[in-house]
């Protein structure tokens, strides 16, 4: 074979390899988990406020709770959680200045309680606190334990009619990730917002789930929303 032809063939192959390496990822590929987390964090940092509704499931092996919340968040640390179905339906929690103001449901709705965020009356069965309920807290915790995460599945799908990236992650050391051994995360694209996550313990049992819907960003929420229970 002519040596000149061989060299030309090698050059063409190298050129094609370079071109393909510069092309954007195809529809079947998913960004690395760490890249997606950091992009989600940057998106959250750019927000001033958001509202959503979300379905929640929490279990500790003996007890479980199911609820749907109407959720309001405004930086730096204002949170309003209205329980619209499930356990404690009708109750409202407002997080402000490091305290939780709670308006119980039913006959006790005439009461207004001011509590610490870790008070047993406002934490869930896994001791998750209302002041730790925002997307920002979720992302910070996952970035802190990124070295413990091992991605064993990633891909693209649709959820609630929108495109999502889907990651399945295992924890190398569940003791460092609050007993969570495996997690599945759905991330809306191109919005870089979490729309659902499911967390499983070392026995494979679902212990935590949140599914976010009806998301609205930067609505210029008034501070009064986080002071008064009426709106």
C-alpha atoms as a PDB file:
ATOM      1  CA  UNK A   1       0.000   0.000   0.000  1.00  0.00           C
ATOM      2  CA  UNK A   2       1.252   3.477  -0.818  1.00  0.00           C
ATOM      3  CA  UNK A   3       2.736   5.100   2.337  1.00  0.00           C
ATOM      4  CA  UNK A   4       1.315   8.501   1.304  1.00  0.00           C
ATOM      5  CA  UNK A   5      -2.217   7.070   1.209  1.00  0.00           C
ATOM      6  CA  UNK A   6      -1.745   5.512   4.682  1.00  0.00           C
ATOM      7  CA  UNK A   7      -0.593   8.851   6.133  1.00  0.00           C
ATOM      8  CA  UNK A   8      -3.491  10.686   4.540  1.00  0.00           C
ATOM      9  CA  UNK A   9      -5.879   8.095   5.984  1.00  0.00           C
ATOM     10  CA  UNK A  10      -4.420   8.580   9.474  1.00  0.00           C
ATOM     11  CA  UNK A  11      -4.698  12.366   9.149  1.00  0.00           C
ATOM     12  CA  UNK A  12      -8.350  12.116   8.110  1.00  0.00           C
ATOM     13  CA  UNK A  13      -9.076   9.825  11.073  1.00  0.00           C
ATOM     14  CA  UNK A  14      -7.375  12.244  13.472  1.00  0.00           C
ATOM     15  CA  UNK A  15      -9.333  15.156  11.999  1.00  0.00           C
ATOM     16  CA  UNK A  16     -12.633  13.303  12.360  1.00  0.00           C
ATOM     17  CA  UNK A  17     -11.779  12.397  15.984  1.00  0.00           C
ATOM     18  CA  UNK A  18     -11.051  16.066  16.739  1.00  0.00           C
ATOM     19  CA  UNK A  19     -14.328  17.201  15.108  1.00  0.00           C
ATOM     20  CA  UNK A  20     -16.411  14.660  17.034  1.00  0.00           C
ATOM     21  CA  UNK A  21     -14.700  15.615  20.309  1.00  0.00           C
ATOM     22  CA  UNK A  22     -15.820  19.224  19.804  1.00  0.00           C
ATOM     23  CA  UNK A  23     -19.443  18.421  19.034  1.00  0.00           C
ATOM     24  CA  UNK A  24     -22.060  18.932  21.785  1.00  0.00           C
ATOM     25  CA  UNK A  25     -23.294  15.899  23.680  1.00  0.00           C
ATOM     26  CA  UNK A  26     -25.880  13.863  21.863  1.00  0.00           C
ATOM     27  CA  UNK A  27     -29.428  13.394  23.138  1.00  0.00           C
ATOM     28  CA  UNK A  28     -28.511   9.988  24.599  1.00  0.00           C
ATOM     29  CA  UNK A  29     -25.730  11.334  26.825  1.00  0.00           C
ATOM     30  CA  UNK A  30     -26.008  12.835  30.294  1.00  0.00           C
ATOM     31  CA  UNK A  31     -23.756  15.396  31.956  1.00  0.00           C
ATOM     32  CA  UNK A  32     -21.608  14.119  34.826  1.00  0.00           C
ATOM     33  CA  UNK A  33     -23.472  14.188  38.135  1.00  0.00           C
ATOM     34  CA  UNK A  34     -21.017  16.665  39.695  1.00  0.00           C
ATOM     35  CA  UNK A  35     -21.442  19.053  36.751  1.00  0.00           C
ATOM     36  CA  UNK A  36     -25.224  18.909  37.053  1.00  0.00           C
ATOM     37  CA  UNK A  37     -25.126  19.513  40.817  1.00  0.00           C
ATOM     38  CA  UNK A  38     -22.912  22.563  40.416  1.00  0.00           C
ATOM     39  CA  UNK A  39     -25.091  23.901  37.617  1.00  0.00           C
ATOM     40  CA  UNK A  40     -28.174  23.425  39.843  1.00  0.00           C
ATOM     41  CA  UNK A  41     -26.408  25.264  42.647  1.00  0.00           C
ATOM     42  CA  UNK A  42     -25.552  28.165  40.346  1.00  0.00           C
ATOM     43  CA  UNK A  43     -29.181  28.299  39.187  1.00  0.00           C
ATOM     44  CA  UNK A  44     -30.373  28.407  42.791  1.00  0.00           C
ATOM     45  CA  UNK A  45     -27.888  31.148  43.655  1.00  0.00           C
ATOM     46  CA  UNK A  46     -29.320  33.267  40.832  1.00  0.00           C
ATOM     47  CA  UNK A  47     -32.862  33.010  42.231  1.00  0.00           C
ATOM     48  CA  UNK A  48     -34.459  35.451  44.665  1.00  0.00           C
ATOM     49  CA  UNK A  49     -37.550  33.385  45.463  1.00  0.00           C
ATOM     50  CA  UNK A  50     -39.636  30.448  44.289  1.00  0.00           C
ATOM     51  CA  UNK A  51     -42.963  28.772  44.940  1.00  0.00           C
ATOM     52  CA  UNK A  52     -44.137  25.246  44.230  1.00  0.00           C
ATOM     53  CA  UNK A  53     -46.339  22.472  45.460  1.00  0.00           C
ATOM     54  CA  UNK A  54     -44.768  19.182  46.394  1.00  0.00           C
ATOM     55  CA  UNK A  55     -45.843  15.728  47.415  1.00  0.00           C
ATOM     56  CA  UNK A  56     -43.814  14.313  50.263  1.00  0.00           C
ATOM     57  CA  UNK A  57     -43.276  10.856  51.732  1.00  0.00           C
ATOM     58  CA  UNK A  58     -41.086  10.292  54.790  1.00  0.00           C
ATOM     59  CA  UNK A  59     -40.518   7.054  56.714  1.00  0.00           C
ATOM     60  CA  UNK A  60     -38.204   5.839  59.462  1.00  0.00           C
ATOM     61  CA  UNK A  61     -38.956   2.122  59.203  1.00  0.00           C
ATOM     62  CA  UNK A  62     -41.683   2.161  61.849  1.00  0.00           C
ATOM     63  CA  UNK A  63     -43.647   5.272  60.990  1.00  0.00           C
ATOM     64  CA  UNK A  64     -44.396   7.145  57.791  1.00  0.00           C
ATOM     65  CA  UNK A  65     -45.921  10.459  56.766  1.00  0.00           C
ATOM     66  CA  UNK A  66     -47.529  11.555  53.506  1.00  0.00           C
ATOM     67  CA  UNK A  67     -48.308  15.198  52.843  1.00  0.00           C
ATOM     68  CA  UNK A  68     -48.702  17.743  50.084  1.00  0.00           C
ATOM     69  CA  UNK A  69     -47.306  21.212  50.687  1.00  0.00           C
ATOM     70  CA  UNK A  70     -47.732  24.596  49.119  1.00  0.00           C
ATOM     71  CA  UNK A  71     -44.232  25.971  49.525  1.00  0.00           C
ATOM     72  CA  UNK A  72     -42.809  29.506  49.424  1.00  0.00           C
ATOM     73  CA  UNK A  73     -39.129  30.437  49.713  1.00  0.00           C
ATOM     74  CA  UNK A  74     -37.442  33.835  49.690  1.00  0.00           C
ATOM     75  CA  UNK A  75     -33.790  34.589  50.296  1.00  0.00           C
ATOM     76  CA  UNK A  76     -32.032  34.618  52.541  1.00  0.00           C
ATOM     77  CA  UNK A  77     -33.964  32.357  54.905  1.00  0.00           C
ATOM     78  CA  UNK A  78     -37.729  32.937  54.651  1.00  0.00           C
ATOM     79  CA  UNK A  79     -39.951  29.853  54.268  1.00  0.00           C
ATOM     80  CA  UNK A  80     -43.688  29.294  54.352  1.00  0.00           C
ATOM     81  CA  UNK A  81     -45.107  25.758  54.266  1.00  0.00           C
ATOM     82  CA  UNK A  82     -48.857  25.190  53.980  1.00  0.00           C
ATOM     83  CA  UNK A  83     -49.973  21.575  54.402  1.00  0.00           C
ATOM     84  CA  UNK A  84     -52.814  21.145  51.934  1.00  0.00           C
ATOM     85  CA  UNK A  85     -53.333  17.385  52.215  1.00  0.00           C
ATOM     86  CA  UNK A  86     -52.231  14.411  54.270  1.00  0.00           C
ATOM     87  CA  UNK A  87     -50.864  14.470  57.793  1.00  0.00           C
ATOM     88  CA  UNK A  88     -51.622  17.720  59.652  1.00  0.00           C
ATOM     89  CA  UNK A  89     -53.707  19.094  56.783  1.00  0.00           C
ATOM     90  CA  UNK A  90     -54.430  22.783  57.327  1.00  0.00           C
ATOM     91  CA  UNK A  91     -51.348  23.533  59.422  1.00  0.00           C
ATOM     92  CA  UNK A  92     -49.003  26.350  58.370  1.00  0.00           C
ATOM     93  CA  UNK A  93     -45.328  26.807  59.249  1.00  0.00           C
ATOM     94  CA  UNK A  94     -43.367  30.019  58.801  1.00  0.00           C
ATOM     95  CA  UNK A  95     -39.577  30.035  59.167  1.00  0.00           C
ATOM     96  CA  UNK A  96     -38.061  33.402  59.958  1.00  0.00           C
ATOM     97  CA  UNK A  97     -35.082  34.670  62.007  1.00  0.00           C
ATOM     98  CA  UNK A  98     -34.085  31.169  63.052  1.00  0.00           C
ATOM     99  CA  UNK A  99     -37.500  30.367  64.544  1.00  0.00           C
ATOM    100  CA  UNK A 100     -40.565  28.484  63.345  1.00  0.00           C
ATOM    101  CA  UNK A 101     -43.995  29.997  63.849  1.00  0.00           C
ATOM    102  CA  UNK A 102     -46.642  27.295  63.640  1.00  0.00           C
ATOM    103  CA  UNK A 103     -50.379  27.546  63.225  1.00  0.00           C
ATOM    104  CA  UNK A 104     -51.866  24.108  63.962  1.00  0.00           C
ATOM    105  CA  UNK A 105     -54.840  22.668  62.129  1.00  0.00           C
ATOM    106  CA  UNK A 106     -58.338  21.988  63.386  1.00  0.00           C
ATOM    107  CA  UNK A 107     -59.479  23.002  66.864  1.00  0.00           C
ATOM    108  CA  UNK A 108     -55.990  24.199  67.760  1.00  0.00           C
ATOM    109  CA  UNK A 109     -55.893  26.683  64.862  1.00  0.00           C
ATOM    110  CA  UNK A 110     -56.539  29.547  67.282  1.00  0.00           C
ATOM    111  CA  UNK A 111     -53.015  28.988  68.641  1.00  0.00           C
ATOM    112  CA  UNK A 112     -49.824  30.492  67.255  1.00  0.00           C
ATOM    113  CA  UNK A 113     -46.688  28.718  68.449  1.00  0.00           C
ATOM    114  CA  UNK A 114     -43.120  29.992  68.238  1.00  0.00           C
ATOM    115  CA  UNK A 115     -40.700  27.068  68.272  1.00  0.00           C
ATOM    116  CA  UNK A 116     -37.116  26.094  67.615  1.00  0.00           C
ATOM    117  CA  UNK A 117     -36.550  24.445  64.211  1.00  0.00           C
ATOM    118  CA  UNK A 118     -35.721  21.121  65.880  1.00  0.00           C
ATOM    119  CA  UNK A 119     -38.811  21.069  68.103  1.00  0.00           C
ATOM    120  CA  UNK A 120     -40.501  17.628  67.905  1.00  0.00           C
ATOM    121  CA  UNK A 121     -43.766  19.356  66.948  1.00  0.00           C
ATOM    122  CA  UNK A 122     -42.383  20.603  63.624  1.00  0.00           C
ATOM    123  CA  UNK A 123     -39.832  17.984  62.528  1.00  0.00           C
ATOM    124  CA  UNK A 124     -40.845  14.917  60.541  1.00  0.00           C
ATOM    125  CA  UNK A 125     -40.352  11.270  61.512  1.00  0.00           C
ATOM    126  CA  UNK A 126     -36.771  11.337  60.175  1.00  0.00           C
ATOM    127  CA  UNK A 127     -36.060  14.541  62.118  1.00  0.00           C
ATOM    128  CA  UNK A 128     -35.868  16.707  59.012  1.00  0.00           C
ATOM    129  CA  UNK A 129     -36.375  20.344  59.991  1.00  0.00           C
ATOM    130  CA  UNK A 130     -38.516  22.936  58.193  1.00  0.00           C
ATOM    131  CA  UNK A 131     -35.563  25.335  57.980  1.00  0.00           C
ATOM    132  CA  UNK A 132     -33.707  22.638  56.018  1.00  0.00           C
ATOM    133  CA  UNK A 133     -36.401  22.175  53.378  1.00  0.00           C
ATOM    134  CA  UNK A 134     -35.200  24.450  50.570  1.00  0.00           C
ATOM    135  CA  UNK A 135     -33.514  23.412  47.333  1.00  0.00           C
ATOM    136  CA  UNK A 136     -30.429  25.293  48.509  1.00  0.00           C
ATOM    137  CA  UNK A 137     -30.041  23.109  51.588  1.00  0.00           C
ATOM    138  CA  UNK A 138     -30.567  19.941  49.531  1.00  0.00           C
ATOM    139  CA  UNK A 139     -27.891  20.978  47.041  1.00  0.00           C
ATOM    140  CA  UNK A 140     -25.411  22.041  49.727  1.00  0.00           C
ATOM    141  CA  UNK A 141     -25.701  18.675  51.471  1.00  0.00           C
ATOM    142  CA  UNK A 142     -25.191  16.786  48.223  1.00  0.00           C
ATOM    143  CA  UNK A 143     -22.191  18.897  47.255  1.00  0.00           C
ATOM    144  CA  UNK A 144     -20.646  18.338  50.702  1.00  0.00           C
ATOM    145  CA  UNK A 145     -20.921  14.562  50.299  1.00  0.00           C
ATOM    146  CA  UNK A 146     -20.079  14.437  46.600  1.00  0.00           C
ATOM    147  CA  UNK A 147     -17.010  12.313  47.346  1.00  0.00           C
ATOM    148  CA  UNK A 148     -19.361   9.645  48.735  1.00  0.00           C
ATOM    149  CA  UNK A 149     -21.529   9.501  45.606  1.00  0.00           C
ATOM    150  CA  UNK A 150     -21.158   6.782  43.006  1.00  0.00           C
ATOM    151  CA  UNK A 151     -23.349   7.161  39.924  1.00  0.00           C
ATOM    152  CA  UNK A 152     -24.470   3.786  38.593  1.00  0.00           C
ATOM    153  CA  UNK A 153     -27.114   4.997  36.139  1.00  0.00           C
ATOM    154  CA  UNK A 154     -27.820   8.195  34.225  1.00  0.00           C
ATOM    155  CA  UNK A 155     -29.988   9.094  31.287  1.00  0.00           C
ATOM    156  CA  UNK A 156     -32.769  11.258  29.920  1.00  0.00           C
ATOM    157  CA  UNK A 157     -36.519  10.936  30.287  1.00  0.00           C
ATOM    158  CA  UNK A 158     -39.692  13.010  30.647  1.00  0.00           C
ATOM    159  CA  UNK A 159     -41.581  13.776  33.856  1.00  0.00           C
ATOM    160  CA  UNK A 160     -44.789  15.805  34.067  1.00  0.00           C
ATOM    161  CA  UNK A 161     -44.373  16.639  30.398  1.00  0.00           C
ATOM    162  CA  UNK A 162     -40.892  18.156  30.727  1.00  0.00           C
ATOM    163  CA  UNK A 163     -37.453  16.860  29.784  1.00  0.00           C
ATOM    164  CA  UNK A 164     -35.374  15.616  32.688  1.00  0.00           C
ATOM    165  CA  UNK A 165     -31.986  14.147  33.449  1.00  0.00           C
ATOM    166  CA  UNK A 166     -32.250  11.105  35.705  1.00  0.00           C
ATOM    167  CA  UNK A 167     -29.440   9.952  37.988  1.00  0.00           C
ATOM    168  CA  UNK A 168     -29.252   6.925  40.253  1.00  0.00           C
ATOM    169  CA  UNK A 169     -26.590   7.367  42.885  1.00  0.00           C
ATOM    170  CA  UNK A 170     -25.225   5.023  45.540  1.00  0.00           C
ATOM    171  CA  UNK A 171     -23.524   6.223  48.728  1.00  0.00           C
ATOM    172  CA  UNK A 172     -20.136   4.704  49.437  1.00  0.00           C
ATOM    173  CA  UNK A 173     -20.670   5.369  53.147  1.00  0.00           C
ATOM    174  CA  UNK A 174     -24.375   5.637  54.166  1.00  0.00           C
ATOM    175  CA  UNK A 175     -23.377   6.607  57.714  1.00  0.00           C
ATOM    176  CA  UNK A 176     -22.121   9.896  56.270  1.00  0.00           C
ATOM    177  CA  UNK A 177     -25.269  10.454  54.187  1.00  0.00           C
ATOM    178  CA  UNK A 178     -27.853  10.207  56.974  1.00  0.00           C
ATOM    179  CA  UNK A 179     -28.446   6.511  56.381  1.00  0.00           C
ATOM    180  CA  UNK A 180     -29.268   7.016  52.706  1.00  0.00           C
ATOM    181  CA  UNK A 181     -27.698   4.225  50.642  1.00  0.00           C
ATOM    182  CA  UNK A 182     -29.201   5.013  47.251  1.00  0.00           C
ATOM    183  CA  UNK A 183     -30.975   7.936  45.608  1.00  0.00           C
ATOM    184  CA  UNK A 184     -32.752   8.643  42.343  1.00  0.00           C
ATOM    185  CA  UNK A 185     -32.854  12.265  41.185  1.00  0.00           C
ATOM    186  CA  UNK A 186     -34.829  13.901  38.358  1.00  0.00           C
ATOM    187  CA  UNK A 187     -33.503  17.288  37.147  1.00  0.00           C
ATOM    188  CA  UNK A 188     -35.476  19.497  34.738  1.00  0.00           C
ATOM    189  CA  UNK A 189     -33.574  20.645  31.666  1.00  0.00           C
ATOM    190  CA  UNK A 190     -32.638  23.218  30.647  1.00  0.00           C
ATOM    191  CA  UNK A 191     -33.899  24.795  33.907  1.00  0.00           C
ATOM    192  CA  UNK A 192     -31.474  22.903  36.195  1.00  0.00           C
ATOM    193  CA  UNK A 193     -34.172  22.489  38.850  1.00  0.00           C
ATOM    194  CA  UNK A 194     -34.863  19.420  40.996  1.00  0.00           C
ATOM    195  CA  UNK A 195     -38.324  18.071  40.195  1.00  0.00           C
ATOM    196  CA  UNK A 196     -38.253  14.779  42.087  1.00  0.00           C
ATOM    197  CA  UNK A 197     -36.005  12.700  44.303  1.00  0.00           C
ATOM    198  CA  UNK A 198     -36.343   9.351  46.021  1.00  0.00           C
ATOM    199  CA  UNK A 199     -34.022   8.131  48.774  1.00  0.00           C
ATOM    200  CA  UNK A 200     -33.593   4.547  50.006  1.00  0.00           C
ATOM    201  CA  UNK A 201     -31.999   3.104  53.128  1.00  0.00           C
ATOM    202  CA  UNK A 202     -29.516   0.219  53.320  1.00  0.00           C
ATOM    203  CA  UNK A 203     -32.421  -2.271  53.227  1.00  0.00           C
ATOM    204  CA  UNK A 204     -33.670  -0.801  49.947  1.00  0.00           C
ATOM    205  CA  UNK A 205     -36.755   0.774  51.548  1.00  0.00           C
ATOM    206  CA  UNK A 206     -38.015   4.141  50.321  1.00  0.00           C
ATOM    207  CA  UNK A 207     -37.564   6.550  53.245  1.00  0.00           C
ATOM    208  CA  UNK A 208     -37.791   9.970  51.611  1.00  0.00           C
ATOM    209  CA  UNK A 209     -39.503  11.297  48.474  1.00  0.00           C
ATOM    210  CA  UNK A 210     -40.354  14.749  47.191  1.00  0.00           C
ATOM    211  CA  UNK A 211     -42.054  15.543  43.878  1.00  0.00           C
ATOM    212  CA  UNK A 212     -42.125  19.244  42.946  1.00  0.00           C
ATOM    213  CA  UNK A 213     -44.836  20.656  40.677  1.00  0.00           C
ATOM    214  CA  UNK A 214     -46.324  24.016  39.675  1.00  0.00           C
ATOM    215  CA  UNK A 215     -42.942  25.717  40.040  1.00  0.00           C
ATOM    216  CA  UNK A 216     -42.725  29.512  39.733  1.00  0.00           C
ATOM    217  CA  UNK A 217     -39.492  31.459  39.987  1.00  0.00           C
ATOM    218  CA  UNK A 218     -38.758  35.036  41.043  1.00  0.00           C
ATOM    219  CA  UNK A 219     -42.305  36.133  41.809  1.00  0.00           C
ATOM    220  CA  UNK A 220     -41.159  39.073  43.988  1.00  0.00           C
ATOM    221  CA  UNK A 221     -42.810  37.519  47.031  1.00  0.00           C
ATOM    222  CA  UNK A 222     -43.686  40.099  49.732  1.00  0.00           C
ATOM    223  CA  UNK A 223     -42.083  39.768  53.181  1.00  0.00           C
ATOM    224  CA  UNK A 224     -45.579  39.889  54.689  1.00  0.00           C
ATOM    225  CA  UNK A 225     -46.170  36.386  53.327  1.00  0.00           C
ATOM    226  CA  UNK A 226     -43.607  35.177  55.854  1.00  0.00           C
ATOM    227  CA  UNK A 227     -45.002  37.179  58.770  1.00  0.00           C
ATOM    228  CA  UNK A 228     -48.777  36.676  58.679  1.00  0.00           C
ATOM    229  CA  UNK A 229     -50.647  33.411  58.262  1.00  0.00           C
ATOM    230  CA  UNK A 230     -53.228  35.053  56.019  1.00  0.00           C
ATOM    231  CA  UNK A 231     -52.468  35.705  52.349  1.00  0.00           C
END
